[in-house]
Amino acid sequence: MSDKKSDKGFNRENFGDRKTGTMPFSVLLSLYIKEKPEYFLQSMESILNQTVMPAEIVVVKDGPVDSEVNRILERFTEEYPGLFKIISYEPNRGLGYALARGVEACGNEIIARMDTDDIARRDRFERQLREFAADPELDICGSVIEEFEDDPGRIVAVRRVPLGDREIKRYQRRRDGFNHMTVMFKKKAVMKAGNYKTCPLMEDSYLWVRMMKNRVKCKNISEPLVYARIGKGMYERRGGFSYFLKYRAGRRKILETGYISLWDYFFTLGVQFVVALVPGGVRGWVFRRVLHK
């Protein structure tokens, strides 16, 4: 299968193959003002060089974006006419709102999430589509990630997640059972759960628990299908009392769904309180050696 555009633009006959059941799918991304052009370019190239091409790429511009990022996006839309669907609005409304708009705009039942600074392994989509082809009841499929700072060839941590449906749902009570940037899911399952909602720090967690309450079928692949850019300032951003307050507000919303117990709620708050208030160097060690190992 060719992953190149045809002379007349994007060829929609070029997605899918015998191994995936020729499933058309959408890729969903959200852009905002702080995107770095070089990271966005690497991310897009990893999507456009997949062994199985998406039928469409939905890009939500969450408020104004960097001018160079805009130029990169315009270049790709010219090179691949018909492939991109762009949604723009002002001002910035946050990730939950942006992804909700994006899910609604996706024209295919299967949707793959991707962050605009991460890099997808070349067979990521093919590998996940095989799972959906093999199990028609599957609703959401993610994978392990390998994390890097500057060079994707130098992995600094691995975030492993439980693999089976029962294990994922149990794990979700205290920690995320999915790496958000790796998931591929069915649109109808997301919409039935109420779609993404505003929930700072936990837009994905809040969606997963509502989907799980609807008894969706979950799976993770043990292979790392995405190389996740963590950035040198990530551990600092995840510290401080203000961060803890946002975390508490998000966990409160999850508690209100009835999916977790009061003990789950207070246990996670206690852990996060300690992690948020220790020095940044210690916090980084905890993430790399304990939470993401």
Protein backbone atom coordinates (compact mmCIF):
# COMPACT_ATOMS: atom_id res chain seq x y z
CA MET A 1 0.00 0.00 0.00
CA SER A 2 1.30 3.40 -0.89
CA ASP A 3 1.24 6.16 1.73
CA LYS A 4 1.81 8.86 -0.90
CA LYS A 5 -0.70 11.28 -2.30
CA SER A 6 -1.88 10.78 -5.89
CA ASP A 7 -1.25 13.26 -8.66
CA LYS A 8 -4.77 14.64 -8.14
CA GLY A 9 -4.40 14.96 -4.38
CA PHE A 10 -5.13 12.57 -1.54
CA ASN A 11 -6.34 9.21 -2.80
CA ARG A 12 -8.96 7.83 -0.42
CA GLU A 13 -8.47 4.34 -1.86
CA ASN A 14 -5.01 4.25 -0.29
CA PHE A 15 -6.10 3.70 3.31
CA GLY A 16 -6.53 0.29 4.89
CA ASP A 17 -5.44 -3.13 3.68
CA ARG A 18 -6.28 -6.80 4.07
CA LYS A 19 -4.76 -6.92 7.56
CA THR A 20 -7.00 -4.15 8.92
CA GLY A 21 -10.21 -4.91 7.07
CA THR A 22 -9.92 -1.62 5.14
CA MET A 23 -11.37 0.45 7.98
CA PRO A 24 -11.51 4.17 7.22
CA PHE A 25 -10.49 6.22 10.24
CA SER A 26 -9.90 9.81 11.32
CA VAL A 27 -6.97 11.29 13.22
CA LEU A 28 -7.83 14.01 15.76
CA LEU A 29 -5.38 16.72 16.89
CA SER A 30 -5.72 19.98 18.82
CA LEU A 31 -3.44 23.00 18.27
CA TYR A 32 -2.96 25.99 20.56
CA ILE A 33 -0.74 29.06 20.81
CA LYS A 34 2.21 27.39 22.59
CA GLU A 35 2.82 24.71 19.94
CA LYS A 36 6.43 24.59 18.75
CA PRO A 37 6.66 24.45 14.92
CA GLU A 38 9.49 21.92 14.84
CA TYR A 39 7.62 19.54 17.14
CA PHE A 40 4.41 19.92 15.15
CA LEU A 41 6.27 19.20 11.92
CA GLN A 42 7.77 15.99 13.32
CA SER A 43 4.39 14.87 14.60
CA MET A 44 2.66 15.49 11.26
CA GLU A 45 5.38 13.70 9.32
CA SER A 46 4.96 10.66 11.55
CA ILE A 47 1.22 10.63 10.73
CA LEU A 48 1.71 11.08 6.99
CA ASN A 49 4.30 8.31 6.78
CA GLN A 50 2.19 5.57 8.34
CA THR A 51 1.87 2.13 6.78
CA VAL A 52 -1.91 2.72 6.74
CA MET A 53 -3.15 6.23 5.94
CA PRO A 54 -6.12 7.92 7.64
CA ALA A 55 -9.15 8.89 5.58
CA GLU A 56 -9.06 12.33 7.19
CA ILE A 57 -7.05 14.39 9.67
CA VAL A 58 -9.16 16.70 11.82
CA VAL A 59 -7.19 19.61 13.29
CA VAL A 60 -8.85 21.87 15.86
CA LYS A 61 -7.17 25.26 16.27
CA ASP A 62 -8.03 26.12 19.87
CA GLY A 63 -7.76 29.89 19.56
CA PRO A 64 -4.89 31.69 17.77
CA VAL A 65 -1.85 29.57 16.88
CA ASP A 66 1.77 30.36 16.05
CA SER A 67 2.23 31.82 12.54
CA GLU A 68 4.90 29.24 11.61
CA VAL A 69 2.63 26.42 12.79
CA ASN A 70 -0.08 27.88 10.55
CA ARG A 71 2.30 27.88 7.60
CA ILE A 72 3.22 24.24 8.19
CA LEU A 73 -0.45 23.28 8.36
CA GLU A 74 -1.23 25.24 5.18
CA ARG A 75 1.62 23.48 3.39
CA PHE A 76 0.27 20.06 4.27
CA THR A 77 -3.29 20.95 3.29
CA GLU A 78 -2.00 22.05 -0.13
CA GLU A 79 0.09 18.89 -0.56
CA TYR A 80 -2.77 16.62 0.53
CA PRO A 81 -6.00 18.24 -0.74
CA GLY A 82 -9.09 16.62 0.72
CA LEU A 83 -7.27 14.97 3.61
CA PHE A 84 -7.45 17.76 6.22
CA LYS A 85 -10.48 19.17 7.99
CA ILE A 86 -9.63 22.37 9.92
CA ILE A 87 -11.79 23.79 12.72
CA SER A 88 -10.93 27.28 14.00
CA TYR A 89 -12.40 29.53 16.67
CA GLU A 90 -11.37 32.21 19.16
CA PRO A 91 -10.51 32.59 21.97
CA ASN A 92 -8.77 29.53 23.44
CA ARG A 93 -11.36 27.31 25.11
CA GLY A 94 -9.19 24.49 26.49
CA LEU A 95 -8.45 20.92 25.47
CA GLY A 96 -11.76 19.40 26.54
CA TYR A 97 -13.80 21.81 24.42
CA ALA A 98 -11.41 21.47 21.46
CA LEU A 99 -11.50 17.68 21.42
CA ALA A 100 -15.28 17.61 21.81
CA ARG A 101 -15.60 19.80 18.72
CA GLY A 102 -13.12 17.59 16.92
CA VAL A 103 -14.91 14.32 17.73
CA GLU A 104 -18.16 15.80 16.45
CA ALA A 105 -16.44 16.80 13.19
CA CYS A 106 -14.84 13.41 12.54
CA GLY A 107 -16.52 11.66 9.64
CA ASN A 108 -15.48 8.11 10.53
CA GLU A 109 -16.47 5.75 13.30
CA ILE A 110 -12.86 4.96 14.22
CA ILE A 111 -10.88 7.93 15.58
CA ALA A 112 -7.19 8.00 16.51
CA ARG A 113 -5.99 10.62 18.98
CA MET A 114 -2.57 12.17 18.52
CA ASP A 115 -0.74 14.95 20.34
CA THR A 116 0.96 17.56 18.18
CA ASP A 117 4.40 17.18 19.76
CA ASP A 118 4.59 13.37 19.87
CA ILE A 119 5.81 10.92 17.24
CA ALA A 120 3.83 7.88 16.10
CA ARG A 121 5.63 4.65 15.31
CA ARG A 122 5.30 4.03 11.58
CA ASP A 123 2.90 1.10 11.98
CA ARG A 124 0.90 2.57 14.87
CA PHE A 125 -2.42 2.86 13.04
CA GLU A 126 -2.05 -0.48 11.28
CA ARG A 127 -1.33 -2.21 14.57
CA GLN A 128 -4.38 -0.75 16.30
CA LEU A 129 -6.71 -1.31 13.34
CA ARG A 130 -5.81 -5.00 13.46
CA GLU A 131 -7.25 -5.13 16.98
CA PHE A 132 -10.53 -3.54 15.89
CA ALA A 133 -10.75 -5.87 12.89
CA ALA A 134 -10.14 -8.90 15.12
CA ASP A 135 -12.69 -7.86 17.78
CA PRO A 136 -15.82 -6.00 16.58
CA GLU A 137 -16.82 -5.39 20.22
CA LEU A 138 -13.64 -3.42 21.01
CA ASP A 139 -14.36 0.27 21.79
CA ILE A 140 -11.00 1.76 22.78
CA CYS A 141 -7.44 0.62 22.20
CA GLY A 142 -4.25 2.26 23.46
CA SER A 143 -0.64 1.28 24.00
CA VAL A 144 2.50 1.67 26.06
CA ILE A 145 4.55 4.85 25.40
CA GLU A 146 8.25 5.57 25.41
CA GLU A 147 9.09 9.06 26.70
CA PHE A 148 11.91 11.31 25.52
CA GLU A 149 13.04 14.90 26.10
CA ASP A 150 14.88 16.12 22.98
CA ASP A 151 15.97 13.08 20.99
CA PRO A 152 13.37 10.34 20.29
CA GLY A 153 16.29 7.95 19.99
CA ARG A 154 17.12 8.48 23.68
CA ILE A 155 14.28 7.13 25.79
CA VAL A 156 14.24 8.37 29.39
CA ALA A 157 11.17 6.51 30.68
CA VAL A 158 8.45 4.08 29.68
CA ARG A 159 4.84 4.37 30.82
CA ARG A 160 3.35 0.91 30.91
CA VAL A 161 -0.38 0.39 31.25
CA PRO A 162 -2.51 -2.69 31.99
CA LEU A 163 -3.43 -4.66 28.88
CA GLY A 164 -6.77 -6.40 29.47
CA ASP A 165 -10.27 -4.97 29.85
CA ARG A 166 -10.77 -5.93 33.52
CA GLU A 167 -7.27 -4.79 34.54
CA ILE A 168 -7.63 -1.44 32.77
CA LYS A 169 -10.94 -0.71 34.47
CA ARG A 170 -9.58 -1.58 37.90
CA TYR A 171 -6.42 0.49 37.34
CA GLN A 172 -8.49 3.49 36.20
CA ARG A 173 -9.82 3.97 39.72
CA ARG A 174 -6.51 5.49 40.83
CA ARG A 175 -4.40 6.08 37.71
CA ASP A 176 -5.10 6.40 34.01
CA GLY A 177 -5.48 3.05 32.31
CA PHE A 178 -4.66 4.63 28.94
CA ASN A 179 -1.93 6.85 27.58
CA HIS A 180 -4.14 9.50 26.01
CA MET A 181 -1.98 10.21 22.95
CA THR A 182 -2.10 6.53 21.95
CA VAL A 183 -5.81 5.82 21.97
CA MET A 184 -7.95 4.83 19.02
CA PHE A 185 -11.66 4.66 19.82
CA LYS A 186 -15.13 4.35 18.37
CA LYS A 187 -16.95 7.63 17.97
CA LYS A 188 -20.31 6.21 19.04
CA ALA A 189 -18.87 5.01 22.37
CA VAL A 190 -17.39 8.47 23.06
CA MET A 191 -20.61 10.27 22.13
CA LYS A 192 -22.73 7.90 24.22
CA ALA A 193 -20.58 8.84 27.25
CA GLY A 194 -21.19 12.54 26.60
CA ASN A 195 -18.01 13.26 24.60
CA TYR A 196 -15.00 15.14 26.01
CA LYS A 197 -15.86 17.77 28.62
CA THR A 198 -13.94 20.59 30.27
CA CYS A 199 -11.98 19.12 33.18
CA PRO A 200 -8.50 20.71 33.50
CA LEU A 201 -5.68 18.14 33.72
CA MET A 202 -8.17 15.29 33.37
CA GLU A 203 -10.13 15.71 30.13
CA ASP A 204 -9.14 12.17 29.17
CA SER A 205 -9.56 10.59 32.64
CA TYR A 206 -13.03 12.08 32.97
CA LEU A 207 -14.02 10.62 29.59
CA TRP A 208 -12.59 7.16 30.31
CA VAL A 209 -14.55 6.69 33.54
CA ARG A 210 -17.81 7.75 31.87
CA MET A 211 -17.14 5.35 29.01
CA MET A 212 -16.29 2.55 31.45
CA LYS A 213 -19.55 3.10 33.32
CA ASN A 214 -21.20 2.34 29.96
CA ARG A 215 -19.34 -0.99 29.88
CA VAL A 216 -17.15 -0.28 26.88
CA LYS A 217 -14.57 -2.90 25.96
CA CYS A 218 -10.96 -1.78 26.49
CA LYS A 219 -7.54 -3.00 25.44
CA ASN A 220 -3.93 -1.84 25.48
CA ILE A 221 -1.11 -3.09 23.27
CA SER A 222 2.09 -3.98 25.09
CA GLU A 223 4.29 -2.44 22.36
CA PRO A 224 5.14 1.30 22.50
CA LEU A 225 3.30 2.76 19.49
CA VAL A 226 4.00 6.42 20.35
CA TYR A 227 7.16 8.25 21.37
CA ALA A 228 5.93 10.90 23.80
CA ARG A 229 7.81 14.18 24.21
CA ILE A 230 7.83 15.10 27.86
CA GLY A 231 10.00 18.24 27.76
CA LYS A 232 12.47 19.27 30.42
CA GLY A 233 9.93 21.50 32.18
CA MET A 234 7.20 18.89 32.53
CA TYR A 235 8.07 17.88 36.09
CA GLU A 236 8.15 21.53 37.24
CA ARG A 237 4.71 22.13 35.69
CA ARG A 238 3.32 19.21 37.66
CA GLY A 239 4.28 20.72 40.97
CA GLY A 240 3.05 23.41 43.33
CA PHE A 241 -0.10 23.93 45.35
CA SER A 242 -2.01 25.48 42.43
CA TYR A 243 -1.40 22.32 40.39
CA PHE A 244 -2.63 20.22 43.29
CA LEU A 245 -5.85 22.27 43.49
CA LYS A 246 -6.55 21.66 39.80
CA TYR A 247 -5.85 17.97 40.31
CA ARG A 248 -8.24 17.86 43.26
CA ALA A 249 -10.99 19.56 41.24
CA GLY A 250 -10.59 17.02 38.46
CA ARG A 251 -10.65 14.07 40.83
CA ARG A 252 -13.75 15.52 42.47
CA LYS A 253 -15.55 15.40 39.12
CA ILE A 254 -14.49 11.80 38.68
CA LEU A 255 -15.72 10.98 42.20
CA GLU A 256 -19.10 12.47 41.30
CA THR A 257 -19.50 9.96 38.46
CA GLY A 258 -19.66 7.18 41.04
CA TYR A 259 -16.87 5.23 39.33
CA ILE A 260 -14.39 5.62 42.18
CA SER A 261 -14.81 5.30 45.95
CA LEU A 262 -14.08 7.91 48.59
CA TRP A 263 -11.05 5.85 49.57
CA ASP A 264 -9.77 5.97 45.96
CA TYR A 265 -10.35 9.72 45.95
CA PHE A 266 -8.52 10.48 49.20
CA PHE A 267 -5.72 8.01 48.50
CA THR A 268 -4.88 9.66 45.16
CA LEU A 269 -5.14 13.15 46.68
CA GLY A 270 -2.66 12.18 49.37
CA VAL A 271 -0.15 10.81 46.87
CA GLN A 272 -0.53 13.80 44.57
CA PHE A 273 -0.17 16.28 47.44
CA VAL A 274 3.22 14.82 48.34
CA VAL A 275 4.39 14.58 44.71
CA ALA A 276 3.26 18.15 43.92
CA LEU A 277 5.09 19.72 46.86
CA VAL A 278 8.46 17.94 46.76
CA PRO A 279 11.35 19.66 44.89
CA GLY A 280 11.28 19.39 41.09
CA GLY A 281 14.32 17.11 40.97
CA VAL A 282 12.73 14.64 43.36
CA ARG A 283 9.45 14.83 41.46
CA GLY A 284 11.25 14.02 38.22
CA TRP A 285 12.88 10.99 39.83
CA VAL A 286 9.48 9.77 41.08
CA PHE A 287 7.93 10.07 37.61
CA ARG A 288 10.86 8.42 35.81
CA ARG A 289 11.66 5.67 38.31
CA VAL A 290 8.35 4.95 40.04
CA LEU A 291 5.31 6.19 38.10
CA HIS A 292 6.80 5.83 34.58
CA LYS A 293 9.24 2.97 34.66
